[in-house]
Protein backbone atom coordinates (compact mmCIF):
# COMPACT_ATOMS: atom_id res chain seq x y z
CA MET A 1 -9.67 37.66 -1.65
CA THR A 2 -9.53 37.61 -5.37
CA SER A 3 -11.75 35.57 -7.65
CA ASP A 4 -8.77 33.35 -8.50
CA GLU A 5 -8.10 32.68 -4.80
CA LEU A 6 -11.76 31.77 -4.30
CA ASP A 7 -11.55 29.44 -7.30
CA GLN A 8 -8.52 27.74 -5.74
CA LEU A 9 -10.37 27.28 -2.45
CA ALA A 10 -13.42 25.97 -4.28
CA ALA A 11 -11.26 23.45 -6.13
CA LEU A 12 -9.78 22.24 -2.83
CA GLU A 13 -13.26 21.99 -1.33
CA GLN A 14 -14.55 19.96 -4.27
CA ALA A 15 -11.54 17.62 -4.22
CA ALA A 16 -11.81 16.87 -0.49
CA THR A 17 -14.04 14.32 1.21
CA PRO A 18 -17.57 15.74 1.23
CA GLY A 19 -18.86 17.40 4.39
CA PRO A 20 -20.26 17.76 6.88
CA TRP A 21 -17.39 16.73 9.10
CA TYR A 22 -17.62 16.11 12.84
CA VAL A 23 -15.29 15.85 15.83
CA ARG A 24 -14.90 12.33 17.19
CA GLU A 25 -13.50 11.65 20.64
CA LEU A 26 -12.27 8.08 20.75
CA ASP A 27 -11.11 6.42 23.94
CA ASP A 28 -10.51 2.73 24.41
CA GLU A 29 -10.63 0.57 27.52
CA ALA A 30 -7.02 1.46 28.35
CA CYS A 31 -7.80 5.21 28.08
CA MET A 32 -5.65 5.58 24.99
CA GLY A 33 -7.50 8.55 23.58
CA ALA A 34 -7.73 10.18 20.22
CA PHE A 35 -9.41 13.25 18.77
CA ALA A 36 -10.24 12.99 15.11
CA VAL A 37 -12.32 14.58 12.39
CA SER A 38 -14.85 12.22 10.85
CA THR A 39 -17.60 12.02 8.28
CA ARG A 40 -19.88 10.60 10.99
CA GLN A 41 -20.93 12.10 14.30
CA ASP A 42 -19.50 10.85 17.57
CA THR A 43 -21.26 7.70 18.69
CA GLY A 44 -20.42 8.05 22.37
CA GLY A 45 -19.17 4.47 22.26
CA ASN A 46 -15.83 3.13 23.39
CA GLU A 47 -14.32 2.48 19.98
CA SER A 48 -10.99 0.80 20.59
CA MET A 49 -7.95 1.52 18.49
CA ARG A 50 -6.59 -1.95 19.24
CA SER A 51 -9.68 -4.16 18.98
CA GLY A 52 -10.33 -3.50 15.32
CA ALA A 53 -13.41 -1.39 16.11
CA TRP A 54 -11.58 1.81 15.17
CA PRO A 55 -13.73 3.45 12.45
CA GLY A 56 -10.77 4.34 10.25
CA GLU A 57 -12.74 4.56 7.01
CA GLU A 58 -14.76 7.43 8.50
CA MET A 59 -11.76 9.47 9.63
CA VAL A 60 -10.41 12.35 7.58
CA ALA A 61 -7.91 13.80 10.09
CA ALA A 62 -6.31 12.87 13.40
CA CYS A 63 -5.61 15.70 15.83
CA LEU A 64 -4.51 13.49 18.73
CA VAL A 65 -3.39 9.89 18.88
CA GLN A 66 -2.32 9.66 22.49
CA SER A 67 -0.55 6.35 22.90
CA PRO A 68 1.62 5.57 21.21
CA ALA A 69 2.15 9.28 20.72
CA TYR A 70 1.66 9.37 16.95
CA VAL A 71 -0.16 12.73 16.84
CA VAL A 72 0.31 14.96 19.90
CA PRO A 73 0.35 18.74 19.24
CA ALA A 74 2.99 20.51 21.35
CA ASP A 75 0.50 23.17 22.45
CA GLY A 76 -2.12 20.64 23.60
CA ARG A 77 -4.84 22.12 21.41
CA HIS A 78 -5.94 18.87 19.78
CA GLU A 79 -9.62 19.35 20.63
CA GLU A 80 -9.61 22.96 19.44
CA ASN A 81 -7.83 21.97 16.21
CA ALA A 82 -10.34 19.19 15.51
CA LYS A 83 -13.26 21.56 16.09
CA LEU A 84 -11.78 24.18 13.75
CA ILE A 85 -11.14 21.67 10.97
CA ALA A 86 -14.64 20.19 11.19
CA VAL A 87 -16.46 23.52 11.43
CA MET A 88 -14.48 25.17 8.65
CA ARG A 89 -14.95 22.22 6.28
CA THR A 90 -18.67 22.20 6.90
CA ALA A 91 -18.96 26.00 6.56
CA LEU A 92 -16.67 26.38 3.53
CA PRO A 93 -19.29 26.08 0.75
CA GLU A 94 -21.41 28.84 2.29
CA LEU A 95 -18.37 31.01 3.03
CA LEU A 96 -17.28 30.70 -0.60
CA ARG A 97 -20.77 31.66 -1.77
CA LEU A 98 -20.85 34.72 0.48
CA ALA A 99 -17.34 35.74 -0.60
CA ARG A 100 -18.40 35.58 -4.25
CA VAL A 101 -21.48 37.70 -3.48
CA GLY A 102 -19.21 40.23 -1.78
CA LEU A 103 -16.79 40.31 -4.71
CA ALA A 104 -19.64 40.77 -7.18
CA SER A 105 -21.05 43.71 -5.19
CA GLU A 106 -17.64 45.43 -5.19
CA ARG A 107 -17.51 45.37 -8.98
């Protein structure tokens, strides 16, 4: 990657909701599940999407909203997608730092 490309990534990282991000598995009493990416770790609780207990202000991305089928990836990889988004967001500052170190050593 070039220095300009790293600068663009760094600008996106700075503009986004701060990390770390976590995967949240939400499932209500009717088993209407969701996989999301959140600024808070999974609580293990039954946070209902219908009861008003849905922690929407903590969510940064939805990778599955099962019923109604608002977000349902055709390949079924909602959990994998959520994990990738959360891990990459959390790792991005360090990856950018290492990439800049690598670019500097090439010069």
